[in-house]
Amino acid sequence: MHDIETIVIGAGAVGLACARALALSGREVIVLERHGLIGSETSARNSEVIHAGIYYPPGSLKAKLCLPGKQQLYRFCAENGIAHERIGKLIVAADEAQLPELQRLHRQAIDTALDDLVFYDRDKLQEIEPELDCCGALWSPSTGIIDSHGFMLALQGALEDRGGQVVLNSNVMRIEPYEDGYRLMVDTGDTGSYSLSCRELIVSAGHGAPGLMEDVAGANAPKAYLAKGNYFKLQGKAPFSRLVYPVPEPGGSGVHITLDLQHQARFGPDVEWVEDIDYEVDPARGDKFYAAIRSYWPGLPDNSLIPDYCGFRPKISGPGEPAEDFRIDGQRAHGRNGLVALYGIESPGLTSALAIGDFVVTLL
């Protein structure tokens, strides 16, 4: 006998989406979250962008899950009253040397069945965003922005409507497989610790997933890396009505301009490889932001950027290495029935969350 049929470790957007999908399939589900709030790490500290699916190689899990995930997310937002806006995005070439990269991204998007991108030349850009000084851009009309916390609350509500539960302040310290299930050692802080058993286990613990799985025989957990992304806020109103991204850079998508649902502009994230999580933003990093932004928006005023917040990409590839795909390991990967481990669920994890949940159900 097991204490519960299915446990999900991690109440971020992806963990909650997995729990919802599992509950909709008829399972008894609880989610264990080590913090006192849902989604308080990666899911709460990102650009809150609904990605179109431009950057991901054909055949990759990121491509396979982002495109349907985007459509599911827009429907879910509309059906559940979650604040969002299909605002669109420009990926800009600051000079002619970057135009071939735009062309490559356009071809790649077509190969992954994303067929709504449009190339804009300098004249068209000047017409729609006169503050930009660029040679050309890809226009993505299906990119959007979302209230990520509202999304997670709706996922939690959908789970609870099906009899599921999120248990906060429950830090899973160890996973012990046994003959027909999994036993978890859970630390609750002031109230002590306990063990909990289940038949099925989903490890959606973000940065902590590799560490939790490293002692599970056959798991072959990857090495974890931390890539800090710092954001700076613009003082005053931005002269843009769309998101503006430079061509991608190693480790991320470059210092871009995003707008929140009140159309306040923020810039970031940059890429800072670190060993430990620290949520302080170093104001000195803003110096490099000015040069990066002025490569496509030369009118950025002096002293207009102030530190805002930062987040950490849960990477499984390190500095100088090619970006890894999502890694979602089911029985075929590790040989264990009823276990799915998710690694490296960085961008576009938020956009892909609902599709990832469905995919996890199929792996079980």
Protein backbone atom coordinates (compact mmCIF):
# COMPACT_ATOMS: atom_id res chain seq x y z
CA MET A 1 0.00 0.00 0.00
CA HIS A 2 1.05 3.58 -0.67
CA ASP A 3 0.18 6.70 1.30
CA ILE A 4 -0.88 8.39 -1.92
CA GLU A 5 -1.04 7.43 -5.59
CA THR A 6 0.95 10.27 -7.19
CA ILE A 7 3.30 12.92 -5.80
CA VAL A 8 4.74 15.90 -7.65
CA ILE A 9 7.80 17.57 -6.14
CA GLY A 10 7.82 21.31 -6.88
CA ALA A 11 4.94 23.82 -7.07
CA GLY A 12 6.30 26.01 -9.85
CA ALA A 13 4.33 26.54 -13.05
CA VAL A 14 5.51 23.25 -14.57
CA GLY A 15 4.99 21.17 -11.42
CA LEU A 16 1.48 22.57 -10.99
CA ALA A 17 0.68 21.97 -14.67
CA CYS A 18 1.85 18.36 -14.31
CA ALA A 19 -0.26 17.94 -11.17
CA ARG A 20 -3.32 19.36 -12.92
CA ALA A 21 -2.88 17.04 -15.91
CA LEU A 22 -2.42 14.05 -13.62
CA ALA A 23 -5.51 14.95 -11.61
CA LEU A 24 -7.53 15.37 -14.81
CA SER A 25 -6.46 11.84 -15.78
CA GLY A 26 -8.16 10.55 -12.61
CA ARG A 27 -5.18 10.23 -10.29
CA GLU A 28 -5.00 11.14 -6.61
CA VAL A 29 -2.30 13.86 -6.54
CA ILE A 30 -0.46 15.98 -4.02
CA VAL A 31 2.29 18.51 -4.68
CA LEU A 32 5.11 18.99 -2.17
CA GLU A 33 6.67 22.46 -2.18
CA ARG A 34 9.62 23.36 0.04
CA HIS A 35 8.78 27.07 0.23
CA GLY A 36 5.82 28.77 1.88
CA LEU A 37 4.46 30.02 -1.47
CA ILE A 38 3.85 28.42 -4.84
CA GLY A 39 6.14 29.41 -7.71
CA SER A 40 8.58 31.44 -5.62
CA GLU A 41 11.76 30.58 -7.55
CA THR A 42 12.11 30.34 -11.35
CA SER A 43 8.38 30.73 -12.06
CA ALA A 44 8.17 34.06 -10.23
CA ARG A 45 11.40 35.56 -11.55
CA ASN A 46 11.32 35.63 -15.32
CA SER A 47 10.16 37.86 -18.16
CA GLU A 48 6.53 36.57 -18.05
CA VAL A 49 6.60 36.15 -21.83
CA ILE A 50 4.45 33.73 -23.80
CA HIS A 51 6.99 32.56 -26.36
CA ALA A 52 6.10 31.86 -29.97
CA GLY A 53 8.58 28.99 -30.47
CA ILE A 54 11.20 30.69 -32.64
CA TYR A 55 14.53 29.67 -31.17
CA TYR A 56 14.25 25.90 -30.80
CA PRO A 57 15.71 23.32 -33.21
CA PRO A 58 13.21 21.16 -35.12
CA GLY A 59 12.60 17.87 -33.33
CA SER A 60 13.69 19.17 -29.93
CA LEU A 61 11.39 18.87 -26.94
CA LYS A 62 11.44 22.65 -26.64
CA ALA A 63 10.04 22.97 -30.17
CA LYS A 64 7.58 20.09 -29.76
CA LEU A 65 6.18 21.43 -26.50
CA CYS A 66 6.38 25.21 -26.94
CA LEU A 67 4.15 25.51 -29.99
CA PRO A 68 1.19 23.48 -28.67
CA GLY A 69 1.87 24.81 -25.17
CA LYS A 70 1.48 28.38 -26.44
CA GLN A 71 -1.93 27.63 -27.95
CA GLN A 72 -3.05 25.77 -24.82
CA LEU A 73 -1.86 28.65 -22.63
CA TYR A 74 -3.78 31.31 -24.57
CA ARG A 75 -6.94 29.17 -24.34
CA PHE A 76 -6.40 28.49 -20.63
CA CYS A 77 -5.91 32.20 -19.92
CA ALA A 78 -9.10 33.13 -21.80
CA GLU A 79 -11.14 30.42 -20.10
CA ASN A 80 -9.89 31.23 -16.59
CA GLY A 81 -9.71 35.01 -16.70
CA ILE A 82 -5.92 35.20 -16.39
CA ALA A 83 -4.47 38.57 -17.35
CA HIS A 84 -2.49 38.30 -20.58
CA GLU A 85 -1.92 40.18 -23.83
CA ARG A 86 -0.87 39.00 -27.29
CA ILE A 87 1.46 41.95 -27.66
CA GLY A 88 3.91 40.66 -30.28
CA LYS A 89 7.70 40.75 -30.46
CA LEU A 90 10.40 42.15 -32.72
CA ILE A 91 13.74 40.35 -32.96
CA VAL A 92 16.04 43.04 -34.28
CA ALA A 93 19.33 43.05 -36.19
CA ALA A 94 21.34 46.01 -34.94
CA ASP A 95 23.62 45.90 -38.00
CA GLU A 96 23.87 44.07 -41.32
CA ALA A 97 26.20 41.42 -39.86
CA GLN A 98 23.27 40.12 -37.78
CA LEU A 99 20.84 39.77 -40.69
CA PRO A 100 21.98 36.21 -41.58
CA GLU A 101 21.10 35.13 -38.02
CA LEU A 102 17.59 36.54 -38.48
CA GLN A 103 17.30 34.59 -41.74
CA ARG A 104 18.46 31.41 -40.00
CA LEU A 105 15.91 31.88 -37.21
CA HIS A 106 13.17 32.46 -39.80
CA ARG A 107 14.04 29.23 -41.67
CA GLN A 108 14.24 27.28 -38.41
CA ALA A 109 10.85 28.58 -37.30
CA ILE A 110 9.29 27.45 -40.57
CA ASP A 111 10.87 24.00 -40.12
CA THR A 112 9.18 23.72 -36.71
CA ALA A 113 5.76 24.70 -38.20
CA LEU A 114 5.81 28.28 -36.92
CA ASP A 115 4.66 30.08 -40.04
CA ASP A 116 3.50 33.51 -38.84
CA LEU A 117 6.85 35.36 -38.71
CA VAL A 118 7.30 38.37 -41.00
CA PHE A 119 10.54 40.12 -41.95
CA TYR A 120 10.51 43.91 -41.59
CA ASP A 121 13.15 46.08 -43.25
CA ARG A 122 14.53 49.31 -41.81
CA ASP A 123 11.77 51.44 -43.35
CA LYS A 124 8.98 49.31 -41.89
CA LEU A 125 10.67 49.35 -38.47
CA GLN A 126 10.95 53.14 -38.58
CA GLU A 127 7.26 53.30 -39.37
CA ILE A 128 6.07 51.15 -36.46
CA GLU A 129 8.79 51.77 -33.83
CA PRO A 130 10.58 55.01 -34.79
CA GLU A 131 12.91 54.90 -31.76
CA LEU A 132 14.61 51.73 -33.03
CA ASP A 133 17.72 52.03 -35.18
CA CYS A 134 18.08 48.61 -36.80
CA CYS A 135 18.68 47.05 -40.21
CA GLY A 136 15.76 44.66 -40.00
CA ALA A 137 13.65 42.52 -37.70
CA LEU A 138 11.49 39.44 -37.45
CA TRP A 139 7.97 40.25 -36.32
CA SER A 140 6.32 37.57 -34.17
CA PRO A 141 2.60 38.33 -33.77
CA SER A 142 1.88 35.34 -31.50
CA THR A 143 4.30 36.32 -28.71
CA GLY A 144 2.55 37.57 -25.58
CA ILE A 145 2.83 38.48 -21.91
CA ILE A 146 1.10 36.89 -18.93
CA ASP A 147 0.46 37.25 -15.22
CA SER A 148 2.49 34.19 -14.23
CA HIS A 149 1.25 34.16 -10.64
CA GLY A 150 -2.36 34.31 -11.79
CA PHE A 151 -1.60 31.36 -14.08
CA MET A 152 -0.17 29.33 -11.19
CA LEU A 153 -3.10 30.14 -8.93
CA ALA A 154 -5.47 28.90 -11.65
CA LEU A 155 -3.47 25.68 -11.99
CA GLN A 156 -3.62 25.17 -8.24
CA GLY A 157 -7.36 25.78 -8.31
CA ALA A 158 -7.85 23.26 -11.12
CA LEU A 159 -5.85 20.69 -9.15
CA GLU A 160 -7.88 21.27 -5.98
CA ASP A 161 -11.15 21.07 -7.91
CA ARG A 162 -10.12 17.50 -8.77
CA GLY A 163 -9.35 16.65 -5.16
CA GLY A 164 -5.62 17.36 -5.33
CA GLN A 165 -3.61 19.33 -2.82
CA VAL A 166 -0.51 21.54 -2.59
CA VAL A 167 1.44 21.05 0.65
CA LEU A 168 3.76 23.97 1.39
CA ASN A 169 6.87 24.08 3.62
CA SER A 170 7.60 20.45 2.71
CA ASN A 171 11.21 20.02 1.64
CA VAL A 172 11.93 16.61 0.11
CA MET A 173 15.37 15.58 1.35
CA ARG A 174 15.70 12.10 -0.12
CA ILE A 175 14.02 9.74 -2.58
CA GLU A 176 14.13 6.00 -1.83
CA PRO A 177 12.79 3.70 -4.56
CA TYR A 178 11.39 0.37 -3.45
CA GLU A 179 9.76 -2.57 -5.19
CA ASP A 180 6.52 -0.93 -6.36
CA GLY A 181 6.87 2.72 -5.47
CA TYR A 182 8.86 5.53 -3.91
CA ARG A 183 9.38 6.70 -0.35
CA LEU A 184 10.19 10.35 0.30
CA MET A 185 11.85 11.80 3.37
CA VAL A 186 10.24 15.20 3.93
CA ASP A 187 11.49 17.97 6.22
CA THR A 188 8.89 20.47 7.45
CA GLY A 189 11.27 22.71 9.38
CA ASP A 190 9.98 23.55 12.86
CA THR A 191 7.52 20.64 12.94
CA GLY A 192 10.09 17.95 12.12
CA SER A 193 10.19 15.37 9.37
CA TYR A 194 8.20 12.41 8.08
CA SER A 195 8.18 9.81 5.31
CA LEU A 196 5.59 9.56 2.57
CA SER A 197 5.16 6.81 -0.03
CA CYS A 198 3.62 6.88 -3.50
CA ARG A 199 3.18 4.70 -6.57
CA GLU A 200 4.10 7.46 -9.05
CA LEU A 201 6.59 10.29 -8.59
CA ILE A 202 7.17 13.41 -10.69
CA VAL A 203 10.34 15.36 -9.86
CA SER A 204 9.73 18.92 -11.09
CA ALA A 205 12.04 20.63 -8.63
CA GLY A 206 13.79 23.09 -10.93
CA HIS A 207 17.31 23.80 -9.72
CA GLY A 208 16.98 21.02 -7.13
CA ALA A 209 15.99 18.18 -9.48
CA PRO A 210 19.53 16.95 -10.32
CA GLY A 211 20.50 16.87 -6.64
CA LEU A 212 17.37 14.95 -5.64
CA MET A 213 17.92 12.37 -8.36
CA GLU A 214 21.70 11.90 -8.11
CA ASP A 215 21.42 9.03 -5.60
CA VAL A 216 18.61 7.23 -7.44
CA ALA A 217 20.24 4.24 -9.15
CA GLY A 218 20.06 4.43 -12.95
CA ALA A 219 18.80 8.03 -13.00
CA ASN A 220 21.98 9.44 -14.59
CA ALA A 221 21.08 12.90 -13.30
CA PRO A 222 22.81 15.78 -15.12
CA LYS A 223 25.09 18.34 -13.52
CA ALA A 224 23.26 21.51 -12.49
CA TYR A 225 24.43 25.01 -13.40
CA LEU A 226 23.11 28.40 -12.34
CA ALA A 227 22.84 31.22 -14.85
CA LYS A 228 21.66 34.35 -13.08
CA GLY A 229 19.60 36.78 -15.09
CA ASN A 230 19.44 40.37 -13.84
CA TYR A 231 16.69 42.81 -14.77
CA PHE A 232 16.71 46.60 -14.74
CA LYS A 233 13.63 48.82 -14.84
CA LEU A 234 13.23 51.91 -16.99
CA GLN A 235 12.37 55.11 -15.17
CA GLY A 236 9.61 56.76 -17.15
CA LYS A 237 7.52 55.52 -20.05
CA ALA A 238 9.07 53.40 -22.79
CA PRO A 239 8.51 54.56 -26.39
CA PHE A 240 7.63 51.01 -27.53
CA SER A 241 4.35 49.14 -27.85
CA ARG A 242 5.93 45.73 -28.57
CA LEU A 243 8.58 43.50 -27.02
CA VAL A 244 12.03 44.07 -28.53
CA TYR A 245 14.69 41.34 -28.53
CA PRO A 246 18.19 41.42 -30.00
CA VAL A 247 19.48 38.36 -31.83
CA PRO A 248 20.20 35.57 -29.28
CA GLU A 249 23.47 35.34 -27.37
CA PRO A 250 25.18 32.30 -25.75
CA GLY A 251 23.26 31.25 -22.63
CA GLY A 252 20.20 33.42 -23.25
CA SER A 253 18.20 35.58 -25.60
CA GLY A 254 20.11 38.82 -24.99
CA VAL A 255 19.21 41.98 -23.08
CA HIS A 256 15.72 42.62 -24.36
CA ILE A 257 12.89 45.04 -23.70
CA THR A 258 9.80 43.48 -22.19
CA LEU A 259 6.63 45.20 -21.09
CA ASP A 260 4.52 44.14 -18.15
CA LEU A 261 0.73 44.20 -18.27
CA GLN A 262 0.81 47.89 -17.27
CA HIS A 263 3.29 48.46 -20.15
CA GLN A 264 6.10 49.40 -17.77
CA ALA A 265 9.41 48.53 -19.47
CA ARG A 266 12.13 46.35 -18.01
CA PHE A 267 15.39 45.20 -19.54
CA GLY A 268 17.12 41.87 -19.22
CA PRO A 269 17.97 39.28 -18.42
CA ASP A 270 21.71 39.21 -18.85
CA VAL A 271 23.73 36.02 -18.29
CA GLU A 272 25.83 35.78 -15.12
CA TRP A 273 27.20 32.31 -14.30
CA VAL A 274 27.24 31.83 -10.51
CA GLU A 275 27.74 29.08 -7.93
CA ASP A 276 25.06 30.08 -5.42
CA ILE A 277 21.61 31.65 -5.48
CA ASP A 278 21.61 35.29 -4.39
CA TYR A 279 18.69 37.52 -5.27
CA GLU A 280 20.60 40.80 -5.03
CA VAL A 281 21.02 42.76 -8.28
CA ASP A 282 24.41 44.46 -8.55
CA PRO A 283 23.74 48.03 -9.78
CA ALA A 284 27.13 48.02 -11.52
CA ARG A 285 25.85 45.44 -14.01
CA GLY A 286 23.63 48.16 -15.40
CA ASP A 287 26.68 49.76 -17.02
CA LYS A 288 26.79 46.95 -19.59
CA PHE A 289 23.04 47.19 -20.16
CA TYR A 290 23.33 50.69 -21.59
CA ALA A 291 25.72 49.61 -24.36
CA ALA A 292 23.68 46.49 -25.18
CA ILE A 293 20.38 48.39 -25.39
CA ARG A 294 21.81 51.34 -27.30
CA SER A 295 22.93 48.99 -30.04
CA TYR A 296 19.27 48.99 -31.12
CA TRP A 297 17.75 51.88 -29.11
CA PRO A 298 20.34 54.68 -29.25
CA GLY A 299 17.96 57.10 -27.53
CA LEU A 300 18.08 55.35 -24.15
CA PRO A 301 18.58 58.24 -21.68
CA ASP A 302 21.53 58.30 -19.28
CA ASN A 303 20.84 57.20 -15.70
CA SER A 304 17.41 55.86 -16.64
CA LEU A 305 17.89 52.23 -15.51
CA ILE A 306 17.42 51.09 -11.92
CA PRO A 307 17.94 47.57 -10.52
CA ASP A 308 14.70 45.58 -10.49
CA TYR A 309 14.96 41.84 -9.75
CA CYS A 310 16.79 38.71 -10.84
CA GLY A 311 16.10 35.05 -11.55
CA PHE A 312 18.06 31.87 -12.13
CA ARG A 313 17.84 29.62 -15.16
CA PRO A 314 17.99 25.95 -14.04
CA LYS A 315 20.56 24.96 -16.64
CA ILE A 316 22.07 21.56 -17.39
CA SER A 317 24.73 22.99 -19.73
CA GLY A 318 27.52 25.23 -18.53
CA PRO A 319 29.44 28.27 -19.78
CA GLY A 320 30.63 27.89 -23.35
CA GLU A 321 28.56 24.73 -23.95
CA PRO A 322 25.67 24.47 -26.42
CA ALA A 323 22.25 24.99 -24.86
CA GLU A 324 20.65 21.72 -23.78
CA ASP A 325 17.14 20.69 -24.66
CA PHE A 326 14.51 20.03 -22.00
CA ARG A 327 15.24 16.68 -20.44
CA ILE A 328 12.13 14.79 -19.31
CA ASP A 329 13.13 11.28 -18.27
CA GLY A 330 10.54 8.53 -18.07
CA GLN A 331 10.93 4.76 -17.71
CA ARG A 332 12.75 4.40 -21.04
CA ALA A 333 15.53 6.67 -19.73
CA HIS A 334 16.06 5.25 -16.24
CA GLY A 335 14.24 1.89 -16.20
CA ARG A 336 11.91 2.69 -13.31
CA ASN A 337 8.14 2.44 -13.58
CA GLY A 338 6.10 5.39 -12.38
CA LEU A 339 8.95 7.92 -12.24
CA VAL A 340 9.38 11.05 -14.36
CA ALA A 341 12.23 13.50 -13.70
CA LEU A 342 12.37 16.92 -15.34
CA TYR A 343 15.71 18.69 -15.79
CA GLY A 344 16.74 21.97 -17.39
CA ILE A 345 13.21 23.35 -17.68
CA GLU A 346 14.22 26.93 -18.39
CA SER A 347 12.67 29.11 -21.11
CA PRO A 348 10.22 28.27 -22.70
CA GLY A 349 9.11 26.27 -19.67
CA LEU A 350 6.37 28.71 -18.63
CA THR A 351 4.91 28.78 -22.15
CA SER A 352 5.20 25.00 -22.48
CA ALA A 353 3.86 24.13 -19.02
CA LEU A 354 0.46 22.74 -20.04
CA ALA A 355 1.96 20.70 -22.88
CA ILE A 356 4.68 19.41 -20.53
CA GLY A 357 1.95 18.26 -18.14
CA ASP A 358 0.24 16.30 -20.90
CA PHE A 359 3.56 14.82 -21.97
CA VAL A 360 4.31 13.62 -18.44
CA VAL A 361 0.95 11.83 -18.34
CA THR A 362 1.81 10.00 -21.57
CA LEU A 363 5.19 8.92 -20.13
CA LEU A 364 3.37 7.28 -17.21
